[in-house]
Each structure stands twice: as C-alpha cells, then as structure tokens.
Protein backbone atom coordinates (compact mmCIF):
# COMPACT_ATOMS: atom_id res chain seq x y z
CA MET A 1 -11.11 45.64 -9.19
CA LYS A 2 -8.03 43.46 -8.18
CA ARG A 3 -8.42 43.82 -4.40
CA LEU A 4 -12.12 42.87 -4.89
CA LEU A 5 -11.33 39.79 -6.48
CA LEU A 6 -8.62 39.06 -4.00
CA LEU A 7 -11.16 39.66 -0.99
CA THR A 8 -13.31 37.45 -2.82
CA ILE A 9 -11.31 34.62 -3.25
CA CYS A 10 -9.81 34.76 0.68
CA ILE A 11 -13.32 34.68 1.62
CA THR A 12 -14.56 31.68 -0.82
CA MET A 13 -11.21 29.72 0.33
CA ALA A 14 -12.05 30.80 4.31
CA ALA A 15 -15.55 29.28 3.78
CA LEU A 16 -14.26 26.19 2.47
CA ALA A 17 -11.95 25.55 4.83
CA GLY A 18 -14.38 26.38 7.32
CA ALA A 19 -16.93 23.82 5.76
CA GLN A 20 -14.02 21.18 6.06
CA ASP A 21 -13.39 21.58 9.33
CA THR A 22 -17.04 21.05 10.24
CA ARG A 23 -17.47 18.17 8.10
CA SER A 24 -14.72 16.37 9.97
CA GLN A 25 -15.82 17.32 13.32
CA LEU A 26 -19.14 15.83 12.05
CA PHE A 27 -18.56 12.61 10.26
CA ASP A 28 -14.97 11.42 11.50
CA GLU A 29 -16.39 9.12 14.10
CA THR A 30 -18.78 7.69 11.56
CA ASP A 31 -16.01 7.57 8.98
CA ALA A 32 -14.21 5.60 11.60
CA ALA A 33 -16.74 3.02 12.32
CA ARG A 34 -17.02 2.98 8.42
CA ALA A 35 -13.39 1.95 7.98
CA ARG A 36 -13.63 -0.60 10.59
CA ALA A 37 -16.73 -2.38 8.86
CA THR A 38 -15.05 -2.31 5.62
CA ALA A 39 -11.98 -3.68 7.21
CA ALA A 40 -14.27 -6.66 8.87
CA ASP A 41 -15.58 -7.10 5.40
CA ALA A 42 -18.82 -6.52 6.93
CA GLU A 43 -20.49 -5.59 3.05
CA LEU A 44 -19.76 -9.26 2.17
CA LEU A 45 -20.61 -11.01 5.82
CA ALA A 46 -23.27 -8.58 7.18
CA PRO A 47 -25.03 -7.11 3.87
CA GLU A 48 -28.27 -6.11 4.99
CA THR A 49 -26.86 -4.11 7.71
CA PHE A 50 -24.00 -2.42 6.12
CA ALA A 51 -26.20 -1.55 3.13
CA ARG A 52 -28.46 0.11 5.57
CA ALA A 53 -25.79 2.19 7.25
CA LEU A 54 -24.47 3.24 3.99
CA GLU A 55 -27.86 4.47 3.08
CA VAL A 56 -28.15 6.28 6.01
CA TYR A 57 -24.45 7.74 5.90
CA GLY A 58 -25.67 8.88 2.26
CA SER A 59 -28.40 10.80 3.75
CA ALA A 60 -26.43 12.73 6.04
CA GLU A 61 -23.90 13.38 3.23
CA GLU A 62 -26.53 14.81 1.02
CA ASP A 63 -27.92 17.07 4.00
CA PHE A 64 -24.92 18.38 4.69
CA ALA A 65 -24.45 19.07 0.99
CA ARG A 66 -27.53 20.57 1.30
CA GLY A 67 -26.79 23.33 4.45
CA ARG A 68 -29.74 21.31 6.41
CA GLY A 69 -29.60 21.27 10.07
CA ILE A 70 -26.40 20.24 12.13
CA GLU A 71 -28.66 18.29 14.81
CA ARG A 72 -30.64 16.46 12.05
CA ILE A 73 -27.27 15.34 10.20
CA ARG A 74 -25.96 14.71 13.90
CA LEU A 75 -28.60 12.30 14.30
CA ALA A 76 -28.17 10.60 10.96
CA LEU A 77 -24.71 10.03 12.02
CA ASP A 78 -24.92 8.47 15.39
CA GLN A 79 -27.62 6.13 13.35
CA ALA A 80 -24.94 5.41 10.67
CA THR A 81 -22.27 4.48 13.73
CA GLY A 82 -24.41 2.33 15.34
CA LEU A 83 -25.41 0.42 12.05
CA PHE A 84 -21.27 0.40 10.96
CA THR A 85 -20.66 -1.00 14.44
CA THR A 86 -23.36 -3.55 14.56
CA ALA A 87 -22.29 -4.67 10.99
CA THR A 88 -18.73 -5.02 12.29
CA GLU A 89 -19.68 -7.36 15.12
CA ALA A 90 -22.12 -9.62 13.02
CA ALA A 91 -19.16 -9.53 10.52
CA GLN A 92 -16.62 -10.67 13.37
CA SER A 93 -19.04 -13.66 14.73
CA ALA A 94 -19.47 -14.52 10.81
CA THR A 95 -15.78 -15.18 10.48
CA VAL A 96 -15.94 -17.91 13.04
CA THR A 97 -19.38 -19.52 11.91
CA LEU A 98 -18.49 -19.27 8.31
CA ALA A 99 -14.87 -20.04 8.75
CA ALA A 100 -14.63 -22.85 6.52
CA LEU A 101 -16.92 -21.30 3.81
CA ILE A 102 -14.49 -17.91 3.67
CA LYS A 103 -11.60 -20.50 3.42
CA THR A 104 -13.43 -21.98 0.42
CA ARG A 105 -14.21 -18.84 -1.02
CA ASP A 106 -10.21 -17.46 -0.63
CA ASP A 107 -9.46 -20.26 -2.62
CA ALA A 108 -11.46 -19.99 -5.43
CA THR A 109 -10.57 -15.94 -5.86
CA ALA A 110 -6.78 -17.11 -5.77
CA ALA A 111 -7.25 -19.11 -8.54
CA ASN A 112 -9.06 -16.18 -10.33
CA ALA A 113 -12.71 -18.24 -10.31
CA ALA A 114 -14.23 -15.45 -11.37
CA THR A 115 -12.48 -14.89 -14.54
CA PHE A 116 -12.09 -18.46 -15.58
CA ALA A 117 -15.33 -20.23 -14.21
CA THR A 118 -17.64 -17.15 -14.41
CA GLU A 119 -21.06 -18.92 -13.98
CA LEU A 120 -20.05 -21.31 -11.19
CA TRP A 121 -18.76 -18.01 -9.34
CA THR A 122 -21.74 -16.19 -9.62
CA ASN A 123 -23.90 -18.67 -8.38
CA ALA A 124 -21.17 -19.34 -5.32
CA GLU A 125 -21.45 -15.54 -4.58
CA GLU A 126 -25.19 -15.52 -4.68
CA THR A 127 -25.39 -19.04 -2.53
CA PHE A 128 -22.52 -17.21 -0.17
CA ASP A 129 -24.86 -13.97 0.38
CA GLY A 130 -27.68 -16.00 1.07
CA ALA A 131 -26.00 -18.15 3.68
CA ALA A 132 -24.54 -14.40 4.93
CA ARG A 133 -27.76 -13.07 5.17
CA ARG A 134 -29.69 -15.84 7.03
CA LEU A 135 -26.67 -15.85 9.97
CA GLU A 136 -27.45 -12.31 9.75
CA SER A 137 -31.18 -12.67 10.32
CA GLY A 138 -30.38 -15.24 13.24
CA ASP A 139 -31.50 -18.26 11.11
CA ILE A 140 -28.13 -20.37 11.80
CA ARG A 141 -29.38 -23.61 10.60
CA GLY A 142 -30.44 -22.00 7.33
CA ALA A 143 -27.08 -20.58 7.24
CA ARG A 144 -25.28 -23.43 7.41
CA SER A 145 -27.08 -25.17 4.85
CA ARG A 146 -26.57 -22.56 2.15
CA ALA A 147 -22.93 -22.28 3.15
CA ASP A 148 -22.52 -26.19 2.38
CA GLU A 149 -24.14 -25.51 -0.86
CA ALA A 150 -21.66 -22.67 -1.74
CA GLU A 151 -18.68 -24.66 -0.47
CA ILE A 152 -19.59 -27.05 -3.46
CA LEU A 153 -19.80 -24.38 -6.07
CA TYR A 154 -16.67 -22.65 -4.70
CA ARG A 155 -14.98 -25.78 -5.31
CA ASP A 156 -16.31 -26.44 -8.46
CA ALA A 157 -15.45 -23.31 -9.67
CA GLU A 158 -11.73 -23.09 -8.84
CA LEU A 159 -11.15 -27.05 -10.09
CA THR A 160 -12.62 -25.45 -13.30
CA ALA A 161 -10.43 -22.33 -12.82
CA ILE A 162 -7.28 -24.32 -12.12
CA LYS A 163 -7.62 -26.48 -15.35
CA ALA A 164 -8.41 -23.74 -17.48
CA GLN A 165 -6.09 -21.30 -16.14
CA TYR A 166 -2.93 -23.32 -15.07
CA LEU A 167 -3.06 -26.59 -17.17
CA SER A 168 -4.07 -24.93 -20.22
CA GLN A 169 -1.39 -22.61 -19.95
CA THR A 170 1.36 -24.86 -19.11
CA ARG A 171 0.43 -27.18 -21.98
CA ALA A 172 0.69 -24.28 -24.38
CA LEU A 173 4.35 -22.97 -22.60
CA LEU A 174 5.56 -26.80 -23.06
CA ALA A 175 4.29 -27.05 -26.68
CA GLU A 176 6.03 -23.70 -27.21
CA ALA A 177 9.33 -24.75 -25.54
CA GLU A 178 9.64 -27.62 -27.72
CA GLN A 179 9.24 -25.14 -30.50
CA LEU A 180 12.41 -23.27 -29.31
CA ARG A 181 14.44 -25.83 -28.57
CA VAL A 182 14.50 -26.02 -24.93
CA PRO A 183 14.61 -29.86 -24.29
CA ARG A 184 17.88 -29.32 -25.81
CA TYR A 185 19.36 -25.97 -23.77
CA ALA A 186 17.18 -26.68 -20.44
CA PRO A 187 16.71 -30.46 -20.25
CA LYS A 188 16.35 -30.91 -16.66
CA THR A 189 13.80 -27.86 -15.89
CA PHE A 190 11.92 -28.85 -18.90
CA ALA A 191 11.42 -32.49 -17.70
CA ARG A 192 10.60 -31.14 -14.33
CA ALA A 193 7.74 -29.15 -15.62
CA GLN A 194 6.57 -31.93 -17.37
CA GLU A 195 6.62 -34.31 -14.49
CA LEU A 196 4.58 -31.61 -12.47
CA LEU A 197 2.00 -31.09 -15.03
CA ALA A 198 1.59 -34.48 -14.85
CA GLN A 199 1.62 -34.84 -11.35
CA ALA A 200 -0.87 -31.93 -11.19
CA GLU A 201 -3.64 -33.54 -13.33
CA LEU A 202 -3.14 -37.04 -11.53
CA GLU A 203 -4.27 -35.34 -8.02
CA LEU A 204 -7.04 -33.39 -9.75
CA ASN A 205 -8.36 -36.34 -10.98
CA GLN A 206 -8.07 -38.66 -7.76
CA ASN A 207 -8.72 -35.62 -5.22
CA ARG A 208 -12.11 -33.96 -6.67
CA TYR A 209 -12.30 -31.73 -3.42
CA ASP A 210 -9.03 -31.19 -2.04
CA THR A 211 -7.27 -28.62 -4.68
CA ASP A 212 -4.56 -27.47 -2.29
CA LEU A 213 -1.86 -29.81 -3.75
CA PRO A 214 -3.06 -30.12 -7.38
CA ARG A 215 -3.33 -26.04 -7.55
CA SER A 216 0.61 -26.05 -6.12
CA LEU A 217 1.72 -28.14 -8.32
CA ALA A 218 -0.14 -26.61 -11.56
CA GLN A 219 1.62 -23.40 -10.27
CA GLN A 220 5.05 -25.05 -10.08
CA ALA A 221 4.66 -26.70 -13.47
CA ASN A 222 3.65 -23.57 -14.87
CA TYR A 223 6.93 -21.72 -13.56
CA GLU A 224 9.16 -24.31 -14.60
CA ALA A 225 7.84 -23.97 -18.12
CA ARG A 226 8.36 -20.51 -18.03
CA HIS A 227 11.76 -20.97 -16.05
CA ALA A 228 12.95 -23.51 -18.95
CA ILE A 229 12.49 -21.08 -21.59
CA TYR A 230 14.21 -18.10 -19.91
CA LEU A 231 16.93 -20.56 -19.20
CA ALA A 232 17.21 -21.34 -23.12
CA GLU A 233 17.18 -17.98 -24.45
CA GLN A 234 19.95 -17.16 -22.33
CA ILE A 235 21.95 -20.12 -23.07
CA ILE A 236 21.21 -19.42 -26.81
CA GLY A 237 22.29 -15.83 -26.40
CA MET A 238 25.67 -16.72 -24.58
CA GLU A 239 26.63 -19.41 -27.23
CA GLU A 240 25.75 -16.32 -29.73
CA SER A 241 27.61 -13.34 -27.95
CA ASP A 242 31.37 -12.70 -27.50
CA LEU A 243 31.00 -12.53 -23.76
CA THR A 244 34.38 -13.91 -22.15
CA GLN A 245 33.63 -16.62 -18.85
CA GLU A 246 34.88 -13.44 -17.22
CA ASP A 247 32.05 -11.18 -18.81
CA LEU A 248 29.55 -13.65 -17.53
CA ILE A 249 30.67 -13.88 -13.70
CA LEU A 250 30.74 -10.09 -13.57
CA LYS A 251 27.56 -9.95 -15.17
CA TYR A 252 26.02 -12.36 -12.51
CA GLU A 253 27.95 -10.54 -9.85
CA GLU A 254 26.22 -7.32 -10.58
CA PRO A 255 22.52 -7.86 -9.42
CA LEU A 256 24.44 -8.67 -5.63
CA THR A 257 25.94 -5.81 -5.41
CA GLN A 258 23.01 -3.96 -6.18
CA ILE A 259 21.09 -5.90 -3.61
CA ALA A 260 23.81 -5.09 -1.14
CA ALA A 261 23.75 -1.47 -2.15
CA ALA A 262 19.96 -1.33 -1.35
CA ALA A 263 20.75 -2.37 2.01
CA ASP A 264 23.34 0.29 2.39
CA LYS A 265 26.32 -2.11 2.27
CA VAL A 266 29.30 -2.80 0.18
CA ALA A 267 29.98 -6.24 -1.00
CA PRO A 268 33.18 -7.02 -1.65
CA LEU A 269 33.58 -10.07 -4.08
CA ASP A 270 37.35 -10.56 -3.87
CA ASN A 271 36.43 -13.91 -1.97
CA GLY A 272 33.27 -14.66 -3.74
CA THR A 273 29.83 -14.47 -3.12
CA ASP A 274 29.36 -16.80 -0.31
CA PRO A 275 30.55 -14.28 2.23
CA VAL A 276 28.27 -11.39 1.18
CA VAL A 277 25.26 -13.58 0.58
CA ALA A 278 25.56 -15.06 4.47
CA GLU A 279 25.93 -11.16 5.48
CA LEU A 280 23.02 -9.88 3.46
CA VAL A 281 20.83 -12.92 4.99
CA ALA A 282 22.03 -12.50 8.12
CA TYR A 283 20.92 -8.72 7.57
CA ILE A 284 17.53 -9.54 6.42
CA GLU A 285 16.41 -11.76 9.19
CA GLU A 286 18.05 -9.49 11.38
CA LEU A 287 15.57 -6.81 9.81
CA ARG A 288 12.42 -9.46 9.96
CA GLU A 289 13.18 -10.40 13.84
CA ASN A 290 13.14 -6.21 14.50
CA SER A 291 10.01 -5.62 12.44
CA GLN A 292 8.24 -8.54 14.20
CA GLN A 293 9.45 -7.31 17.63
CA ALA A 294 8.10 -3.76 16.45
CA GLN A 295 4.58 -5.30 15.45
CA LEU A 296 4.63 -6.76 19.44
CA ASP A 297 5.53 -3.49 20.79
CA PHE A 298 3.16 -1.66 18.63
CA GLU A 299 0.25 -3.73 20.16
CA THR A 300 1.41 -3.70 23.68
CA SER A 301 1.36 0.41 23.52
CA ARG A 302 -1.94 -0.03 21.63
CA THR A 303 -3.35 -2.35 24.32
CA ARG A 304 -1.93 0.22 26.97
CA ILE A 305 -3.25 3.34 25.41
CA ALA A 306 -6.51 1.92 25.41
CA GLU A 307 -6.37 0.79 29.19
CA LEU A 308 -5.25 4.47 29.82
CA ASP A 309 -8.22 6.02 27.98
CA GLU A 310 -10.30 3.85 29.90
CA GLU A 311 -8.60 5.22 33.19
CA ILE A 312 -9.42 8.67 31.98
CA ARG A 313 -12.67 8.27 31.26
CA ASN A 314 -13.53 7.32 34.84
CA LEU A 315 -11.57 9.93 36.21
CA ASP A 316 -13.32 12.23 34.61
CA ALA A 317 -16.53 10.70 35.97
CA GLN A 318 -15.25 10.64 39.06
CA LEU A 319 -14.14 14.28 38.89
CA GLY A 320 -17.63 15.49 37.39
CA GLY A 321 -16.30 16.94 34.29
CA ILE A 322 -13.81 17.46 32.03
CA SER A 323 -11.25 19.67 32.82
CA GLN A 324 -9.47 22.31 30.13
CA GLU A 325 -6.37 20.50 29.80
CA ARG A 326 -8.27 17.77 29.12
CA VAL A 327 -10.11 19.15 26.44
CA SER A 328 -6.90 20.72 24.84
CA LEU A 329 -5.38 17.18 24.88
CA VAL A 330 -8.74 15.72 23.22
CA GLN A 331 -7.89 18.12 20.63
CA ARG A 332 -4.53 17.63 19.85
CA LEU A 333 -5.23 13.66 19.77
CA GLU A 334 -8.20 14.37 17.15
CA ALA A 335 -5.89 16.77 15.29
CA GLU A 336 -3.06 14.04 14.99
CA ALA A 337 -5.40 11.35 14.05
CA ARG A 338 -6.42 13.71 11.06
CA ILE A 339 -2.97 14.04 9.90
CA ARG A 340 -2.34 10.18 10.20
CA ASP A 341 -5.26 10.04 7.82
CA GLN A 342 -4.32 13.32 5.48
CA PHE A 343 -0.87 11.43 5.31
CA THR A 344 -2.32 8.19 4.02
CA THR A 345 -4.00 10.34 1.30
CA ILE A 346 -0.94 12.04 0.41
CA GLU A 347 1.00 8.49 0.28
CA GLN A 348 -1.46 7.36 -2.45
CA ILE A 349 -0.65 9.99 -4.60
CA PHE A 350 2.82 8.62 -5.66
CA THR A 351 4.04 5.72 -6.87
CA ARG A 352 7.07 4.01 -5.14
CA ASP A 353 8.91 4.88 -8.53
CA GLU A 354 8.16 8.94 -7.87
CA ALA A 355 8.60 9.31 -4.21
CA ARG A 356 8.72 7.94 -1.21
CA VAL A 357 6.66 9.49 1.62
CA SER A 358 7.08 9.20 5.15
CA ARG A 359 6.35 10.67 8.83
CA GLU A 360 8.66 12.56 11.14
CA ASP A 361 6.45 13.26 14.37
CA ASN A 362 3.53 15.29 12.90
CA ALA A 363 5.61 16.28 9.55
CA ILE A 364 5.15 14.70 6.14
CA VAL A 365 8.25 14.18 4.40
CA ILE A 366 7.98 13.48 0.36
CA ARG A 367 11.28 12.19 -0.77
CA LEU A 368 11.48 12.82 -4.63
CA VAL A 369 13.50 9.59 -5.89
CA SER A 370 12.58 10.24 -9.37
CA LEU A 371 14.07 14.00 -9.60
CA THR A 372 17.23 14.39 -10.73
CA PHE A 373 19.38 17.19 -12.07
CA GLU A 374 22.13 17.13 -14.55
CA THR A 375 25.55 16.83 -13.08
CA GLY A 376 26.26 20.61 -11.75
CA SER A 377 22.74 21.93 -12.82
CA THR A 378 20.40 23.74 -10.98
CA THR A 379 17.89 23.72 -13.54
CA VAL A 380 14.35 21.49 -13.40
CA ALA A 381 13.90 19.57 -16.34
CA PRO A 382 10.42 19.63 -18.19
CA ALA A 383 10.12 15.85 -17.79
CA HIS A 384 9.70 16.39 -13.96
CA ARG A 385 6.44 18.40 -14.22
CA PRO A 386 4.13 15.47 -13.78
CA LEU A 387 6.29 14.64 -10.30
CA LEU A 388 5.59 18.02 -9.44
CA GLU A 389 2.04 18.52 -10.07
CA LYS A 390 1.73 15.70 -7.70
CA VAL A 391 3.64 17.76 -5.08
CA GLN A 392 1.06 20.32 -5.51
CA GLN A 393 -1.49 18.28 -5.25
CA ALA A 394 -0.25 16.96 -2.00
CA THR A 395 0.05 20.35 -0.61
CA THR A 396 -3.57 20.89 -0.99
CA VAL A 397 -4.06 18.09 1.70
CA PHE A 398 -2.81 20.60 4.21
CA PRO A 399 -3.90 23.79 2.82
CA ARG A 400 -2.34 25.82 5.87
CA ALA A 401 0.69 24.07 6.36
CA GLN A 402 4.53 25.33 5.71
CA ILE A 403 6.43 23.76 3.29
CA VAL A 404 9.99 23.14 3.17
CA ILE A 405 12.07 22.06 0.07
CA GLU A 406 15.10 20.55 1.30
CA GLY A 407 18.40 20.08 -0.96
CA HIS A 408 20.69 17.32 -0.27
CA THR A 409 24.20 16.29 -2.31
CA ASP A 410 26.63 13.05 -1.85
CA SER A 411 29.88 13.63 -0.25
CA TYR A 412 31.70 14.19 -3.56
CA GLY A 413 33.05 17.52 -4.24
CA SER A 414 33.57 20.03 -1.74
CA ASP A 415 31.75 20.91 1.58
CA ASP A 416 31.37 24.68 0.45
CA THR A 417 30.12 23.48 -3.29
CA ASN A 418 27.82 20.98 -2.29
CA MET A 419 26.34 23.33 0.38
CA ARG A 420 25.42 26.19 -2.51
CA LEU A 421 24.50 23.39 -4.82
CA SER A 422 21.79 21.64 -2.54
CA GLN A 423 20.64 25.36 -1.81
CA GLN A 424 20.09 26.15 -5.13
CA ARG A 425 18.35 23.32 -6.18
CA ALA A 426 16.19 23.42 -3.21
CA GLU A 427 15.19 27.34 -4.73
CA ALA A 428 14.87 26.05 -8.13
CA VAL A 429 11.94 23.63 -7.14
CA SER A 430 10.33 25.82 -4.90
CA LYS A 431 10.32 28.38 -7.21
CA TYR A 432 9.15 25.84 -10.10
CA LEU A 433 6.15 24.89 -7.77
CA SER A 434 5.78 28.66 -7.17
CA ASP A 435 5.89 29.77 -10.75
CA GLU A 436 4.78 26.87 -12.63
CA LEU A 437 1.97 25.40 -10.08
CA GLY A 438 0.80 28.15 -8.14
CA VAL A 439 1.78 27.48 -5.03
CA PRO A 440 1.74 30.16 -2.88
CA ALA A 441 5.63 31.32 -2.46
CA PHE A 442 4.61 32.51 1.25
CA ARG A 443 3.89 29.13 2.37
CA MET A 444 7.85 27.77 1.13
CA SER A 445 11.12 27.98 2.34
CA ALA A 446 14.06 26.18 0.71
CA VAL A 447 17.07 25.19 2.46
CA GLY A 448 20.24 22.95 1.23
CA TYR A 449 21.78 20.73 3.42
CA GLY A 450 24.89 19.78 1.30
CA GLU A 451 26.48 16.38 1.89
CA THR A 452 25.65 16.89 5.90
CA ARG A 453 22.72 14.48 6.19
CA PRO A 454 23.12 11.37 4.45
CA ILE A 455 20.47 8.65 3.91
CA ALA A 456 22.57 5.82 2.36
CA ASN A 457 26.61 5.00 1.99
CA ASN A 458 28.40 7.36 0.21
CA GLU A 459 30.99 4.36 -0.74
CA THR A 460 28.99 2.93 -3.31
CA ALA A 461 27.05 4.66 -6.23
CA GLN A 462 23.93 3.37 -5.56
CA GLY A 463 24.10 4.81 -2.30
CA ARG A 464 25.39 8.37 -3.48
CA GLU A 465 22.57 8.40 -5.99
CA ARG A 466 20.13 8.11 -3.06
CA ASN A 467 21.44 11.10 -0.93
CA ARG A 468 21.71 13.35 -4.06
CA ARG A 469 17.89 14.20 -3.61
CA ILE A 470 15.33 16.78 -3.02
CA ASP A 471 12.96 16.39 -0.24
CA VAL A 472 9.53 18.10 0.46
CA ARG A 473 8.71 18.43 4.10
CA ILE A 474 5.13 19.49 4.69
CA GLU A 475 4.62 20.88 8.23
CA PRO A 476 0.96 20.86 9.62
CA GLN A 477 -0.31 23.07 12.30
CA LEU A 478 -1.92 21.08 15.16
CA GLU A 479 -5.40 23.01 16.29
C-alpha cells in the first residue's frame, strides 16, 4: 500500500513538473512582452491595447488550464505578445506626447492627492484616461485638449493635498511643540519651522500653479517642526539623566562606529570624528562611482549582446539552418533566463532583516542573517521556524536543485573548534529542514567552513556577528 502511494505521489509530482515546463515553454515569450508593457506603464498610457492583450492572455491561460490544444494556445499567445508589444510602443510614444501631463500627475501622486483630494484626483484620472485613449486611437488634437484639462485638475488636486497634508499637519506640530515647551529648548529649529511654514503659505497663495517651491517649503517646515520636538525631548532627557559629558560624547560616537562597521571598516576615534567621517565619505563616493561605472558597463554589454545576437541570426540565415550547437546554446540561455526569474521570486520571499539573497553564477545564495545560535550551541531555536519555513518555500522554486547548507564562524576560538562548530550547525539546520519542514534529505548536504570564509572584518564586533552565519546555497540544474 505504501509503495503504491509513493508511486502515485511520484507520478503526480512528475506530471506537475512536466506541466510547469510546458507552460514555461509556451508562455515565457508572452510573459516577457507583458513585463515590458507593464514596465512602460502601458496600462495607463495605452489602456485599450493593454486591456485587450490581458483578455487574450487570460483566454490562453484558461485554455491551458483546461488542457485544450497547444496550437490554439500558441496562436492566442502570439496575438497577446503582439498586443503587449504594440501597447509598449504606444506607451513609449505617449510618454513623449503626454510628457507634461505625466510630470503633473507624478507631482500630484507625490503629494498623496489620491488620499487628500480624492474627488479632484478621480476626475483627473478619468480625464487622463480619456487623453490616453484618444492618443491611442490617433486623435492627437483631442488627446492634447484632454491632457490640458487633466493637468489643471492634477494641479488643483496637488495644491489641495499639499495644504491638507503638509500645512495643517505642520500647524498641529507647531501647536504641540509649544505645549511641550519646545521654543525654550530648541528655539532656533522651532523658529525655522515657523519661518518655512509662513513662506510655504505665501508661495501657495501667490503662485497658484507653480507648486514645486511651496511643496518643498512645506515639507521642510514639517521636518523642522518634528526635528524641534525631537531636539527638545533629547535636551530634556539629558537634563533629567545622570549622564556625564563623557557619556554623551560616547553615546553620539556609537552610530559612527556602527556605520563604519557596516562598511567593514574600523573607526578609530582617538583623533576625533573628522578623520573617520572623511574616510567614510570617500568610501561612499567611490562606491557610487563604481556603481555608475558598472551600470555603464552593463548597458554596453547589453548592447553588444544584442549586436552579437543579430550577427548570429544573420549567420543562421546564411547557413540555411540552425546547428545543434546553436540549439544547445539557445536552450542554455533560456534556462539561465528562467533562473533569473526564479531568483527574483526567491528574493521576494524574505525581508531584508531575515536574509540576503544573491546570485553566484547560477547558484542562489540565501544568507540567513536573522538565524543565530546561543554561544557554543548547535540547537536551532523554535523562534527560527518562520524563517526556515520561508527557506523551505524557497527550495520549492527549484524542485530539482541540490541544496547545500553552509556553516561559518568568526575568527575567535581555535581553527578546529570553529570548523567542528560550523559543521554541526549546518547539519542542525539541514536536519530541521528535513525532519520538521519536509525538505527531502537526499536534496541537501551540509558543510562547515569554520572561519575560513569571512565576509566582514573580524576586528569589529559587528563584523564578527556578520561572519557567524548560515548560508543556504541552491544549485539549479541547467537543462
């Protein structure tokens, strides 16, 4: 009986995996076209074509679910792909024709007009939709006329929202600040808030349709009012506490130490904070420059890949067919593309406080930053079950992948002790996933690296904490 049940389960799992592969082969191109249309804001800027594409796509999904003919599904998906592509192109064109309107809408959105000026926002959205539909049908004059109407409505909505959200809130904050005796303890910041509020009101009244400056002034006034309250609370707290001047300096040095540790640097404060600040500023600027260069390199590489792809297509046409090597390459590239999509799925499972998800070649690495052990312990605490349930969920994204549980320690303690401890902790996590959460044991292996693979500076407490970790490596099979 058990063997029959096991066989049934295996057959069912194989059937589900086969269905998923079939769906991926059929739908991937259309899904990519849909993603491009969504990224281009086609639902807003080309609503009719985008809605039609969704309708055809939905029909294809329904046909697939009912097991209808592949050719019928393929034809529907080809139609949907074409419609999504058309919607993308129309949306990209609309971003030029309706650029001023889109900017005005973005400003109203930033002011939370949908919440604080609901009626005006709704009217503006309906008028925007009318402009987009006219443009989509080729009625440029009608589109521009409706766009002008929508701009006025969005400006009105933005102005109403700014007054409701910022000015009234700032007035309330200033009134609260006076009750808390803030003018006594933080008079400069409080006066600055009052001054900014007066400037914002003046600008709003004098420049009816130019809300950029008053919006900025209102936001600054709101900030300064809250800042004044915070400063007063801190000053009062210091007066009522037994902290010495040394205590206060050490307290305000601590955040700088933490920031330095996050940058994997030691913060020597024996010469004051200025050298540390200068080093961190230089480090951040270098990171930003490197990031910008990496983005440029990525764009260049993407352009070059597109050029090479075009060359390959031309060569295929000249050769009169596609070689087996070419087929294998295409299949591998498609498999890598699926892994990238699945990586995004796994990344969205975890919050930043729970885990960091990264890619190393085609492997997915889940760094369980919130999974900790008591000193010297190898027992997984019950409090970590919700996190490990998410790990189990992540393993289902790659149902045939191998999973390696890696244990790591900091540099404190002997090499042998750390190696043994990291191995035992990795095995404990693997056993928990298998025994408690049903992850097949044959898919997992556990390995301890001790202190041999640090990711942070062992000279700081924060660095050592980051080095004490469990990494879950998911290794998909490229097919």
